[in-house]
Amino acid sequence: MAHHFGLAKDRTVYYCADYALRFSTANGIGFGNTVLSLSRLEKFDDRPFIVCVVTPRENRLVLANASFLKKISHTSQELRENNIRGSFNGSDIVREFQGMRNEPTNFERLFAIHEGIEFEDNLRRLVEATTNIVGGCDAA
């Protein structure tokens, strides 16, 4: 497949100058699997970063550039603006952004918005959102 489409492979990411692609399997439409580390995403964040969620019933595509992440869930305790750590899960990818569903019919418009946001600005937002996560149960 990669050769047919002119894609190079960097571990789990297939990419070319125009886009990057990561396959992730799930049992259903919602998926909590770890997708990629934030530091690896930074390398591909200048092009549409598409996650193909492969389920038994269907395959679904979502954009997972930094602008479309809510937080960094996995092993992110040391995440800081000067220390890019942690990975994002499928559940961290927004399903709607600025009133548009995160689906292929909106990818061009969504990515155009993303291009106007610097990675550092997204990183700052993700650090804040991630450090505001409180573990454990809330007291009643």
C-alpha atoms as a PDB file:
ATOM      1  CA  MET A   1       0.000   0.000   0.000  1.00  0.00           C
ATOM      2  CA  ALA A   2       2.652   2.543   1.013  1.00  0.00           C
ATOM      3  CA  HIS A   3       4.589   2.105  -2.221  1.00  0.00           C
ATOM      4  CA  HIS A   4       1.429   2.309  -4.349  1.00  0.00           C
ATOM      5  CA  PHE A   5       0.530   5.705  -2.845  1.00  0.00           C
ATOM      6  CA  GLY A   6       4.115   6.996  -2.653  1.00  0.00           C
ATOM      7  CA  LEU A   7       4.174   6.985   1.141  1.00  0.00           C
ATOM      8  CA  ALA A   8       7.185   6.677   3.387  1.00  0.00           C
ATOM      9  CA  LYS A   9       6.855   4.942   6.741  1.00  0.00           C
ATOM     10  CA  ASP A  10       8.118   6.323  10.038  1.00  0.00           C
ATOM     11  CA  ARG A  11       7.341   3.572  12.564  1.00  0.00           C
ATOM     12  CA  THR A  12       3.502   3.621  12.706  1.00  0.00           C
ATOM     13  CA  VAL A  13       2.951   6.693  10.526  1.00  0.00           C
ATOM     14  CA  TYR A  14       2.681   6.625   6.734  1.00  0.00           C
ATOM     15  CA  TYR A  15       3.379  10.023   5.193  1.00  0.00           C
ATOM     16  CA  CYS A  16       4.156  12.115   2.157  1.00  0.00           C
ATOM     17  CA  ALA A  17       4.500  15.863   1.652  1.00  0.00           C
ATOM     18  CA  ASP A  18       0.708  16.277   1.490  1.00  0.00           C
ATOM     19  CA  TYR A  19      -0.546  14.273   4.505  1.00  0.00           C
ATOM     20  CA  ALA A  20       0.283  11.747   7.216  1.00  0.00           C
ATOM     21  CA  LEU A  21      -1.766   8.689   8.090  1.00  0.00           C
ATOM     22  CA  ARG A  22      -1.977   6.481  11.171  1.00  0.00           C
ATOM     23  CA  PHE A  23      -4.129   3.357  11.409  1.00  0.00           C
ATOM     24  CA  SER A  24      -5.694   2.439  14.726  1.00  0.00           C
ATOM     25  CA  THR A  25      -7.960  -0.497  15.486  1.00  0.00           C
ATOM     26  CA  ALA A  26     -10.993  -0.345  17.761  1.00  0.00           C
ATOM     27  CA  ASN A  27     -13.927  -2.548  18.662  1.00  0.00           C
ATOM     28  CA  GLY A  28     -16.450   0.240  18.138  1.00  0.00           C
ATOM     29  CA  ILE A  29     -16.809   3.788  16.908  1.00  0.00           C
ATOM     30  CA  GLY A  30     -15.363   5.279  20.086  1.00  0.00           C
ATOM     31  CA  PHE A  31     -11.750   4.385  20.686  1.00  0.00           C
ATOM     32  CA  GLY A  32      -9.456   5.080  23.592  1.00  0.00           C
ATOM     33  CA  ASN A  33      -6.310   3.501  22.154  1.00  0.00           C
ATOM     34  CA  THR A  34      -3.077   5.458  22.327  1.00  0.00           C
ATOM     35  CA  VAL A  35      -2.565   6.984  18.889  1.00  0.00           C
ATOM     36  CA  LEU A  36       0.775   8.783  18.924  1.00  0.00           C
ATOM     37  CA  SER A  37       3.144  10.765  21.093  1.00  0.00           C
ATOM     38  CA  LEU A  38       2.813  14.522  20.957  1.00  0.00           C
ATOM     39  CA  SER A  39       6.479  14.875  20.035  1.00  0.00           C
ATOM     40  CA  ARG A  40       5.975  12.598  17.009  1.00  0.00           C
ATOM     41  CA  LEU A  41       2.826  14.491  16.014  1.00  0.00           C
ATOM     42  CA  GLU A  42       4.843  17.720  15.982  1.00  0.00           C
ATOM     43  CA  LYS A  43       6.928  16.251  13.143  1.00  0.00           C
ATOM     44  CA  PHE A  44       3.789  15.820  10.957  1.00  0.00           C
ATOM     45  CA  ASP A  45       1.641  18.695  12.231  1.00  0.00           C
ATOM     46  CA  ASP A  46       2.354  20.833   9.139  1.00  0.00           C
ATOM     47  CA  ARG A  47       0.134  18.575   6.976  1.00  0.00           C
ATOM     48  CA  PRO A  48      -3.212  16.905   7.604  1.00  0.00           C
ATOM     49  CA  PHE A  49      -2.630  14.153  10.154  1.00  0.00           C
ATOM     50  CA  ILE A  50      -5.363  11.595   9.489  1.00  0.00           C
ATOM     51  CA  VAL A  51      -6.216   8.738  11.814  1.00  0.00           C
ATOM     52  CA  CYS A  52      -8.048   5.829  10.213  1.00  0.00           C
ATOM     53  CA  VAL A  53     -10.019   4.051  12.919  1.00  0.00           C
ATOM     54  CA  VAL A  54     -10.479   0.477  11.741  1.00  0.00           C
ATOM     55  CA  THR A  55     -13.452  -1.272  13.370  1.00  0.00           C
ATOM     56  CA  PRO A  56     -15.157  -4.574  12.570  1.00  0.00           C
ATOM     57  CA  ARG A  57     -18.096  -2.702  10.997  1.00  0.00           C
ATOM     58  CA  GLU A  58     -16.502   0.330   9.326  1.00  0.00           C
ATOM     59  CA  ASN A  59     -13.429   2.468   8.938  1.00  0.00           C
ATOM     60  CA  ARG A  60     -13.630   6.080  10.057  1.00  0.00           C
ATOM     61  CA  LEU A  61     -11.274   8.983   9.353  1.00  0.00           C
ATOM     62  CA  VAL A  62     -10.569  11.888  11.716  1.00  0.00           C
ATOM     63  CA  LEU A  63      -8.038  14.714  11.668  1.00  0.00           C
ATOM     64  CA  ALA A  64      -5.721  14.530  14.655  1.00  0.00           C
ATOM     65  CA  ASN A  65      -3.482  17.583  14.246  1.00  0.00           C
ATOM     66  CA  ALA A  66      -2.627  19.415  17.459  1.00  0.00           C
ATOM     67  CA  SER A  67      -5.532  21.853  16.967  1.00  0.00           C
ATOM     68  CA  PHE A  68      -7.979  18.950  17.184  1.00  0.00           C
ATOM     69  CA  LEU A  69      -6.726  17.480  20.459  1.00  0.00           C
ATOM     70  CA  LYS A  70      -8.478  18.175  23.779  1.00  0.00           C
ATOM     71  CA  LYS A  71      -5.601  17.084  25.998  1.00  0.00           C
ATOM     72  CA  ILE A  72      -2.688  14.661  26.279  1.00  0.00           C
ATOM     73  CA  SER A  73      -3.867  11.668  28.300  1.00  0.00           C
ATOM     74  CA  HIS A  74      -1.152   9.068  28.343  1.00  0.00           C
ATOM     75  CA  THR A  75       2.034   9.435  30.469  1.00  0.00           C
ATOM     76  CA  SER A  76       1.844  13.206  30.372  1.00  0.00           C
ATOM     77  CA  GLN A  77       2.872  14.107  33.952  1.00  0.00           C
ATOM     78  CA  GLU A  78       6.029  15.822  32.731  1.00  0.00           C
ATOM     79  CA  LEU A  79       4.394  17.700  29.838  1.00  0.00           C
ATOM     80  CA  ARG A  80       5.507  21.329  29.746  1.00  0.00           C
ATOM     81  CA  GLU A  81       5.959  23.862  26.964  1.00  0.00           C
ATOM     82  CA  ASN A  82       9.690  23.184  27.063  1.00  0.00           C
ATOM     83  CA  ASN A  83       9.284  19.414  27.600  1.00  0.00           C
ATOM     84  CA  ILE A  84       7.014  17.772  25.024  1.00  0.00           C
ATOM     85  CA  ARG A  85       5.986  14.495  26.662  1.00  0.00           C
ATOM     86  CA  GLY A  86       3.019  12.177  26.558  1.00  0.00           C
ATOM     87  CA  SER A  87       0.729  10.636  23.997  1.00  0.00           C
ATOM     88  CA  PHE A  88      -2.812  11.261  22.908  1.00  0.00           C
ATOM     89  CA  ASN A  89      -5.573   8.698  22.834  1.00  0.00           C
ATOM     90  CA  GLY A  90      -8.390   8.385  20.337  1.00  0.00           C
ATOM     91  CA  SER A  91     -10.742   9.816  22.947  1.00  0.00           C
ATOM     92  CA  ASP A  92      -8.603  13.003  23.042  1.00  0.00           C
ATOM     93  CA  ILE A  93      -9.411  13.839  19.403  1.00  0.00           C
ATOM     94  CA  VAL A  94     -12.325  16.269  19.080  1.00  0.00           C
ATOM     95  CA  ARG A  95     -15.302  15.062  17.094  1.00  0.00           C
ATOM     96  CA  GLU A  96     -16.436  18.619  16.370  1.00  0.00           C
ATOM     97  CA  PHE A  97     -14.385  21.795  15.952  1.00  0.00           C
ATOM     98  CA  GLN A  98     -15.849  25.285  15.572  1.00  0.00           C
ATOM     99  CA  GLY A  99     -19.222  23.819  14.650  1.00  0.00           C
ATOM    100  CA  MET A 100     -17.826  21.394  12.045  1.00  0.00           C
ATOM    101  CA  ARG A 101     -17.798  17.632  12.449  1.00  0.00           C
ATOM    102  CA  ASN A 102     -14.333  16.114  12.281  1.00  0.00           C
ATOM    103  CA  GLU A 103     -14.984  14.037   9.158  1.00  0.00           C
ATOM    104  CA  PRO A 104     -13.566  13.943   5.626  1.00  0.00           C
ATOM    105  CA  THR A 105     -16.143  16.333   4.132  1.00  0.00           C
ATOM    106  CA  ASN A 106     -14.762  19.052   6.436  1.00  0.00           C
ATOM    107  CA  PHE A 107     -11.050  18.168   6.387  1.00  0.00           C
ATOM    108  CA  GLU A 108     -10.083  20.933   3.965  1.00  0.00           C
ATOM    109  CA  ARG A 109     -11.802  23.657   6.014  1.00  0.00           C
ATOM    110  CA  LEU A 110     -10.621  22.224   9.329  1.00  0.00           C
ATOM    111  CA  PHE A 111      -7.022  22.002   8.179  1.00  0.00           C
ATOM    112  CA  ALA A 112      -7.155  25.581   6.867  1.00  0.00           C
ATOM    113  CA  ILE A 113      -8.061  26.691  10.397  1.00  0.00           C
ATOM    114  CA  HIS A 114      -5.292  24.538  11.857  1.00  0.00           C
ATOM    115  CA  GLU A 115      -2.717  26.101   9.515  1.00  0.00           C
ATOM    116  CA  GLY A 116      -3.437  29.479  11.107  1.00  0.00           C
ATOM    117  CA  ILE A 117      -2.503  28.221  14.579  1.00  0.00           C
ATOM    118  CA  GLU A 118       1.145  27.830  15.553  1.00  0.00           C
ATOM    119  CA  PHE A 119       2.179  24.510  17.118  1.00  0.00           C
ATOM    120  CA  GLU A 120       3.470  26.445  20.149  1.00  0.00           C
ATOM    121  CA  ASP A 121       0.003  27.949  20.705  1.00  0.00           C
ATOM    122  CA  ASN A 122      -1.584  24.492  20.560  1.00  0.00           C
ATOM    123  CA  LEU A 123       1.141  23.166  22.849  1.00  0.00           C
ATOM    124  CA  ARG A 124       0.418  25.917  25.390  1.00  0.00           C
ATOM    125  CA  ARG A 125      -3.307  25.063  25.291  1.00  0.00           C
ATOM    126  CA  LEU A 126      -2.632  21.315  25.597  1.00  0.00           C
ATOM    127  CA  VAL A 127      -0.261  21.812  28.541  1.00  0.00           C
ATOM    128  CA  GLU A 128      -2.925  23.849  30.326  1.00  0.00           C
ATOM    129  CA  ALA A 129      -5.718  21.362  29.555  1.00  0.00           C
ATOM    130  CA  THR A 130      -3.556  18.404  30.567  1.00  0.00           C
ATOM    131  CA  THR A 131      -2.260  19.881  33.816  1.00  0.00           C
ATOM    132  CA  ASN A 132      -5.850  20.728  34.829  1.00  0.00           C
ATOM    133  CA  ILE A 133      -6.742  17.016  34.831  1.00  0.00           C
ATOM    134  CA  VAL A 134      -7.366  15.916  38.401  1.00  0.00           C
ATOM    135  CA  GLY A 135      -6.964  12.246  39.196  1.00  0.00           C
ATOM    136  CA  GLY A 136      -9.102  10.249  41.592  1.00  0.00           C
ATOM    137  CA  CYS A 137     -12.636  10.885  42.782  1.00  0.00           C
ATOM    138  CA  ASP A 138     -14.110  14.235  43.688  1.00  0.00           C
ATOM    139  CA  ALA A 139     -15.079  14.642  47.307  1.00  0.00           C
ATOM    140  CA  ALA A 140     -18.826  14.765  47.913  1.00  0.00           C
END
